[in-house]
Amino acid sequence: MDVTSDLKARLGKDWIPAIYADKVRSQRTRSYSPDVPEKENAAEIFYTLLGIELKVGNKRFACPDLATARYLRTFARIGCREFAIPYDVSRISVIADELETAWQRLLLLIELRAKGTTAQARGRLRSTVLRSLRKELADIGAGEMMPSFKQSTKQRS
């Protein structure tokens, strides 16, 4: 069994692509395409006079609220170039909590798995797992740019 399959089995429903497929893509979403590199990124949330921003590398992305910034930060850390955001803003906070918890558990399991190895081996293991995450998330897809709405609003037939 390879490392990614082992981590996926150990995390179960807390595997990030599983959360994404079950909790995000199962509802109405819109796609989001930040210009981030396809690698592990350091993503920081900043509170500015103009609101909340997510900084990835030298780029800053304006966010409407903290929950959205936390949600975007998870995908920016992984290096996803396109993903879906729930259209219903009231659900983003709960999903962001689950994604951040899953991210921290994944990092802990990677560290446990790489215990006693060199720094280069740990880096290779981490990049292999993140590459697999990016591929699974890309396979699930980001959906449409804008969600589809029910067009028939007639009350009489």
C-alpha atoms as a PDB file:
ATOM      1  CA  MET A   1       0.000   0.000   0.000  1.00  0.00           C
ATOM      2  CA  ASP A   2       1.471   3.361  -0.975  1.00  0.00           C
ATOM      3  CA  VAL A   3       1.681   6.318   1.403  1.00  0.00           C
ATOM      4  CA  THR A   4      -1.227   8.275  -0.037  1.00  0.00           C
ATOM      5  CA  SER A   5      -3.594   5.283   0.108  1.00  0.00           C
ATOM      6  CA  ASP A   6      -2.529   4.601   3.687  1.00  0.00           C
ATOM      7  CA  LEU A   7      -3.151   8.212   4.742  1.00  0.00           C
ATOM      8  CA  LYS A   8      -6.474   8.243   2.890  1.00  0.00           C
ATOM      9  CA  ALA A   9      -7.569   5.084   4.698  1.00  0.00           C
ATOM     10  CA  ARG A  10      -6.461   6.429   8.076  1.00  0.00           C
ATOM     11  CA  LEU A  11      -8.229   9.760   7.598  1.00  0.00           C
ATOM     12  CA  GLY A  12     -11.406   8.237   6.167  1.00  0.00           C
ATOM     13  CA  LYS A  13     -14.135  10.873   5.970  1.00  0.00           C
ATOM     14  CA  ASP A  14     -11.574  13.527   7.018  1.00  0.00           C
ATOM     15  CA  TRP A  15      -9.657  13.143   3.739  1.00  0.00           C
ATOM     16  CA  ILE A  16      -9.854  16.614   2.130  1.00  0.00           C
ATOM     17  CA  PRO A  17     -11.168  15.417  -1.280  1.00  0.00           C
ATOM     18  CA  ALA A  18     -13.861  13.399   0.551  1.00  0.00           C
ATOM     19  CA  ILE A  19     -15.019  16.500   2.435  1.00  0.00           C
ATOM     20  CA  TYR A  20     -14.912  18.494  -0.799  1.00  0.00           C
ATOM     21  CA  ALA A  21     -16.991  15.935  -2.712  1.00  0.00           C
ATOM     22  CA  ASP A  22     -19.533  15.332   0.077  1.00  0.00           C
ATOM     23  CA  LYS A  23     -19.975  18.778   1.580  1.00  0.00           C
ATOM     24  CA  VAL A  24     -19.093  21.222  -1.200  1.00  0.00           C
ATOM     25  CA  ARG A  25     -19.775  19.718  -4.631  1.00  0.00           C
ATOM     26  CA  SER A  26     -23.038  18.120  -3.473  1.00  0.00           C
ATOM     27  CA  GLN A  27     -24.627  21.580  -3.200  1.00  0.00           C
ATOM     28  CA  ARG A  28     -24.919  24.677  -5.373  1.00  0.00           C
ATOM     29  CA  THR A  29     -21.449  26.134  -5.926  1.00  0.00           C
ATOM     30  CA  ARG A  30     -19.532  28.591  -8.032  1.00  0.00           C
ATOM     31  CA  SER A  31     -16.034  28.005  -9.322  1.00  0.00           C
ATOM     32  CA  TYR A  32     -13.053  30.021  -8.179  1.00  0.00           C
ATOM     33  CA  SER A  33      -9.688  30.195  -9.944  1.00  0.00           C
ATOM     34  CA  PRO A  34      -6.972  31.928  -7.916  1.00  0.00           C
ATOM     35  CA  ASP A  35      -3.633  32.493  -9.575  1.00  0.00           C
ATOM     36  CA  VAL A  36      -1.546  30.360  -7.192  1.00  0.00           C
ATOM     37  CA  PRO A  37       1.333  28.019  -8.044  1.00  0.00           C
ATOM     38  CA  GLU A  38       0.599  24.288  -8.188  1.00  0.00           C
ATOM     39  CA  LYS A  39       2.715  23.475  -5.153  1.00  0.00           C
ATOM     40  CA  GLU A  40       2.466  23.743  -1.398  1.00  0.00           C
ATOM     41  CA  ASN A  41       2.064  27.422  -0.584  1.00  0.00           C
ATOM     42  CA  ALA A  42       2.287  29.461   2.577  1.00  0.00           C
ATOM     43  CA  ALA A  43      -1.039  31.260   2.829  1.00  0.00           C
ATOM     44  CA  GLU A  44      -1.685  33.974   5.403  1.00  0.00           C
ATOM     45  CA  ILE A  45      -4.831  35.852   6.365  1.00  0.00           C
ATOM     46  CA  PHE A  46      -4.426  39.612   6.868  1.00  0.00           C
ATOM     47  CA  TYR A  47      -6.817  42.095   8.447  1.00  0.00           C
ATOM     48  CA  THR A  48      -6.460  45.369   6.572  1.00  0.00           C
ATOM     49  CA  LEU A  49      -8.297  48.682   6.564  1.00  0.00           C
ATOM     50  CA  LEU A  50     -10.130  47.519   3.446  1.00  0.00           C
ATOM     51  CA  GLY A  51     -11.198  44.175   4.922  1.00  0.00           C
ATOM     52  CA  ILE A  52      -9.807  40.657   5.018  1.00  0.00           C
ATOM     53  CA  GLU A  53      -7.190  39.493   2.527  1.00  0.00           C
ATOM     54  CA  LEU A  54      -5.525  36.186   1.807  1.00  0.00           C
ATOM     55  CA  LYS A  55      -1.857  36.470   0.874  1.00  0.00           C
ATOM     56  CA  VAL A  56      -0.292  33.662  -1.151  1.00  0.00           C
ATOM     57  CA  GLY A  57       3.274  34.429  -2.198  1.00  0.00           C
ATOM     58  CA  ASN A  58       3.266  37.983  -3.530  1.00  0.00           C
ATOM     59  CA  LYS A  59      -0.431  37.967  -4.414  1.00  0.00           C
ATOM     60  CA  ARG A  60      -3.313  39.150  -2.287  1.00  0.00           C
ATOM     61  CA  PHE A  61      -6.931  38.110  -2.686  1.00  0.00           C
ATOM     62  CA  ALA A  62      -9.757  40.158  -1.164  1.00  0.00           C
ATOM     63  CA  CYS A  63     -12.209  38.068   0.855  1.00  0.00           C
ATOM     64  CA  PRO A  64     -15.705  39.099   1.926  1.00  0.00           C
ATOM     65  CA  ASP A  65     -15.376  37.522   5.380  1.00  0.00           C
ATOM     66  CA  LEU A  66     -13.097  35.448   7.599  1.00  0.00           C
ATOM     67  CA  ALA A  67     -14.868  32.156   6.859  1.00  0.00           C
ATOM     68  CA  THR A  68     -14.266  32.564   3.121  1.00  0.00           C
ATOM     69  CA  ALA A  69     -10.619  33.470   3.737  1.00  0.00           C
ATOM     70  CA  ARG A  70     -10.164  30.326   5.848  1.00  0.00           C
ATOM     71  CA  TYR A  71     -11.862  28.220   3.171  1.00  0.00           C
ATOM     72  CA  LEU A  72      -9.676  29.665   0.398  1.00  0.00           C
ATOM     73  CA  ARG A  73      -6.531  29.276   2.510  1.00  0.00           C
ATOM     74  CA  THR A  74      -6.932  25.485   2.636  1.00  0.00           C
ATOM     75  CA  PHE A  75      -7.001  25.193  -1.154  1.00  0.00           C
ATOM     76  CA  ALA A  76      -4.235  27.775  -1.586  1.00  0.00           C
ATOM     77  CA  ARG A  77      -1.996  25.763   0.761  1.00  0.00           C
ATOM     78  CA  ILE A  78      -2.540  22.664  -1.368  1.00  0.00           C
ATOM     79  CA  GLY A  79      -1.942  24.634  -4.571  1.00  0.00           C
ATOM     80  CA  CYS A  80      -5.322  24.114  -6.260  1.00  0.00           C
ATOM     81  CA  ARG A  81      -5.716  26.347  -9.292  1.00  0.00           C
ATOM     82  CA  GLU A  82      -9.475  25.839  -9.586  1.00  0.00           C
ATOM     83  CA  PHE A  83     -12.062  24.722  -7.035  1.00  0.00           C
ATOM     84  CA  ALA A  84     -15.661  25.316  -5.988  1.00  0.00           C
ATOM     85  CA  ILE A  85     -17.001  27.622  -3.279  1.00  0.00           C
ATOM     86  CA  PRO A  86     -20.447  27.049  -1.759  1.00  0.00           C
ATOM     87  CA  TYR A  87     -22.912  29.615  -3.044  1.00  0.00           C
ATOM     88  CA  ASP A  88     -24.663  29.712   0.342  1.00  0.00           C
ATOM     89  CA  VAL A  89     -22.302  31.784   2.507  1.00  0.00           C
ATOM     90  CA  SER A  90     -23.836  30.465   5.727  1.00  0.00           C
ATOM     91  CA  ARG A  91     -22.341  27.012   5.023  1.00  0.00           C
ATOM     92  CA  ILE A  92     -18.777  28.144   4.327  1.00  0.00           C
ATOM     93  CA  SER A  93     -17.781  28.521   7.991  1.00  0.00           C
ATOM     94  CA  VAL A  94     -18.666  24.925   8.930  1.00  0.00           C
ATOM     95  CA  ILE A  95     -16.914  23.527   5.860  1.00  0.00           C
ATOM     96  CA  ALA A  96     -13.845  25.734   6.510  1.00  0.00           C
ATOM     97  CA  ASP A  97     -13.649  24.309  10.053  1.00  0.00           C
ATOM     98  CA  GLU A  98     -13.737  20.745   8.710  1.00  0.00           C
ATOM     99  CA  LEU A  99     -11.155  21.468   6.004  1.00  0.00           C
ATOM    100  CA  GLU A 100      -8.732  23.128   8.437  1.00  0.00           C
ATOM    101  CA  THR A 101      -9.091  20.257  10.906  1.00  0.00           C
ATOM    102  CA  ALA A 102      -8.502  17.733   8.122  1.00  0.00           C
ATOM    103  CA  TRP A 103      -5.440  19.700   6.951  1.00  0.00           C
ATOM    104  CA  GLN A 104      -3.891  19.670  10.433  1.00  0.00           C
ATOM    105  CA  ARG A 105      -4.623  15.944  10.890  1.00  0.00           C
ATOM    106  CA  LEU A 106      -3.051  15.243   7.493  1.00  0.00           C
ATOM    107  CA  LEU A 107       0.102  17.151   8.441  1.00  0.00           C
ATOM    108  CA  LEU A 108       0.344  15.264  11.746  1.00  0.00           C
ATOM    109  CA  LEU A 109      -0.032  11.899  10.011  1.00  0.00           C
ATOM    110  CA  ILE A 110       2.606  12.847   7.438  1.00  0.00           C
ATOM    111  CA  GLU A 111       5.000  13.793  10.258  1.00  0.00           C
ATOM    112  CA  LEU A 112       4.306  10.515  12.067  1.00  0.00           C
ATOM    113  CA  ARG A 113       4.840   8.565   8.866  1.00  0.00           C
ATOM    114  CA  ALA A 114       8.118  10.385   8.121  1.00  0.00           C
ATOM    115  CA  LYS A 115       9.467  10.136  11.678  1.00  0.00           C
ATOM    116  CA  GLY A 116      13.134   9.227  11.720  1.00  0.00           C
ATOM    117  CA  THR A 117      13.762  10.143   8.077  1.00  0.00           C
ATOM    118  CA  THR A 118      15.795  12.960   6.589  1.00  0.00           C
ATOM    119  CA  ALA A 119      14.368  16.394   5.813  1.00  0.00           C
ATOM    120  CA  GLN A 120      14.547  15.629   2.080  1.00  0.00           C
ATOM    121  CA  ALA A 121      12.569  12.407   2.533  1.00  0.00           C
ATOM    122  CA  ARG A 122       9.933  14.268   4.572  1.00  0.00           C
ATOM    123  CA  GLY A 123       9.677  16.907   1.842  1.00  0.00           C
ATOM    124  CA  ARG A 124       9.291  14.276  -0.880  1.00  0.00           C
ATOM    125  CA  LEU A 125       6.607  12.470   1.122  1.00  0.00           C
ATOM    126  CA  ARG A 126       4.705  15.705   1.749  1.00  0.00           C
ATOM    127  CA  SER A 127       4.899  16.794  -1.904  1.00  0.00           C
ATOM    128  CA  THR A 128       3.746  13.338  -3.068  1.00  0.00           C
ATOM    129  CA  VAL A 129       0.691  13.494  -0.804  1.00  0.00           C
ATOM    130  CA  LEU A 130      -0.141  17.072  -1.846  1.00  0.00           C
ATOM    131  CA  ARG A 131       0.219  16.179  -5.535  1.00  0.00           C
ATOM    132  CA  SER A 132      -2.274  13.359  -4.978  1.00  0.00           C
ATOM    133  CA  LEU A 133      -4.653  15.753  -3.168  1.00  0.00           C
ATOM    134  CA  ARG A 134      -4.472  18.242  -6.058  1.00  0.00           C
ATOM    135  CA  LYS A 135      -5.182  15.496  -8.590  1.00  0.00           C
ATOM    136  CA  GLU A 136      -8.182  14.149  -6.655  1.00  0.00           C
ATOM    137  CA  LEU A 137      -9.605  17.636  -6.173  1.00  0.00           C
ATOM    138  CA  ALA A 138      -9.115  18.406  -9.885  1.00  0.00           C
ATOM    139  CA  ASP A 139     -10.869  15.117 -10.790  1.00  0.00           C
ATOM    140  CA  ILE A 140     -13.875  16.116  -8.669  1.00  0.00           C
ATOM    141  CA  GLY A 141     -13.893  19.453 -10.484  1.00  0.00           C
ATOM    142  CA  ALA A 142     -14.827  23.028  -9.766  1.00  0.00           C
ATOM    143  CA  GLY A 143     -18.189  23.083 -11.479  1.00  0.00           C
ATOM    144  CA  GLU A 144     -19.739  26.018 -13.269  1.00  0.00           C
ATOM    145  CA  MET A 145     -18.553  29.600 -12.983  1.00  0.00           C
ATOM    146  CA  MET A 146     -22.004  30.560 -11.702  1.00  0.00           C
ATOM    147  CA  PRO A 147     -24.629  28.205 -10.262  1.00  0.00           C
ATOM    148  CA  SER A 148     -27.713  27.400 -12.254  1.00  0.00           C
ATOM    149  CA  PHE A 149     -30.972  28.800 -10.974  1.00  0.00           C
ATOM    150  CA  LYS A 150     -34.463  27.535 -11.517  1.00  0.00           C
ATOM    151  CA  GLN A 151     -35.860  29.711 -14.283  1.00  0.00           C
ATOM    152  CA  SER A 152     -39.546  28.872 -14.053  1.00  0.00           C
ATOM    153  CA  THR A 153     -41.048  31.290 -11.556  1.00  0.00           C
ATOM    154  CA  LYS A 154     -44.629  31.155 -12.763  1.00  0.00           C
ATOM    155  CA  GLN A 155     -47.064  30.477  -9.955  1.00  0.00           C
ATOM    156  CA  ARG A 156     -49.853  29.360 -12.274  1.00  0.00           C
ATOM    157  CA  SER A 157     -49.630  26.702 -14.905  1.00  0.00           C
END
